[in-house]
Protein backbone atom coordinates (compact mmCIF):
# COMPACT_ATOMS: atom_id res chain seq x y z
CA MET A 1 0.12 -0.02 0.07
CA PRO A 2 1.70 3.20 -0.94
CA ASN A 3 1.78 6.01 1.86
CA THR A 4 1.56 10.07 1.27
CA LEU A 5 1.69 13.06 3.66
CA LEU A 6 -0.77 15.82 2.41
CA VAL A 7 0.77 19.17 3.73
CA TYR A 8 -1.59 22.35 3.44
CA ASN A 9 -1.51 25.97 4.72
CA PRO A 10 -4.84 27.13 6.20
CA VAL A 11 -4.18 30.58 5.91
CA ALA A 12 -3.07 30.44 2.04
CA GLY A 13 -5.31 30.86 -0.87
CA ARG A 14 -9.18 31.40 -1.32
CA TYR A 15 -10.44 28.25 -0.64
CA PRO A 16 -11.21 26.02 2.29
CA SER A 17 -7.76 24.10 2.13
CA ARG A 18 -8.65 21.77 5.17
CA MET A 19 -11.91 20.68 3.40
CA LEU A 20 -10.34 19.97 0.09
CA THR A 21 -7.00 18.23 1.46
CA GLU A 22 -9.76 15.78 3.54
CA ARG A 23 -11.61 15.68 0.16
CA ALA A 24 -8.10 14.67 -1.66
CA ALA A 25 -7.38 11.96 1.28
CA ARG A 26 -10.63 10.39 0.95
CA VAL A 27 -10.31 9.59 -2.60
CA LEU A 28 -6.56 8.58 -2.05
CA GLN A 29 -7.72 6.01 0.86
CA GLN A 30 -10.37 4.73 -1.92
CA TYR A 31 -7.53 3.99 -3.83
CA GLY A 32 -5.67 2.00 -1.06
CA TRP A 33 -3.25 4.91 -0.19
CA GLY A 34 -2.44 5.33 3.62
CA VAL A 35 -2.95 9.23 3.85
CA GLU A 36 -1.54 11.49 6.56
CA ILE A 37 -2.70 15.12 6.88
CA GLU A 38 -0.42 17.88 8.33
CA THR A 39 -1.08 21.55 8.86
CA THR A 40 1.75 23.87 8.12
CA THR A 41 1.87 27.98 8.26
CA GLY A 42 4.98 28.71 6.55
CA GLY A 43 8.36 27.97 4.64
CA SER A 44 10.49 26.32 7.26
CA HIS A 45 7.99 23.99 8.88
CA ILE A 46 6.86 22.55 5.64
CA GLN A 47 10.60 22.14 4.50
CA SER A 48 10.81 20.20 7.74
CA LEU A 49 7.85 18.13 6.97
CA ALA A 50 9.10 17.37 3.43
CA ARG A 51 12.45 16.07 5.10
CA GLN A 52 10.85 13.76 7.62
CA ALA A 53 8.27 12.67 4.86
CA VAL A 54 11.20 11.58 2.68
């Protein structure tokens, strides 16, 4: 089973990012993916998350 980390920034953009991220997670899970969702608010945090995910 493939795994993925979905990262979103709740203060970026015009759309409800949490809702869209959860929707994407559900679709991936339907196809057998393991999904983890993480919230970020800035560049250094997302860099850290990316390093951990790799």
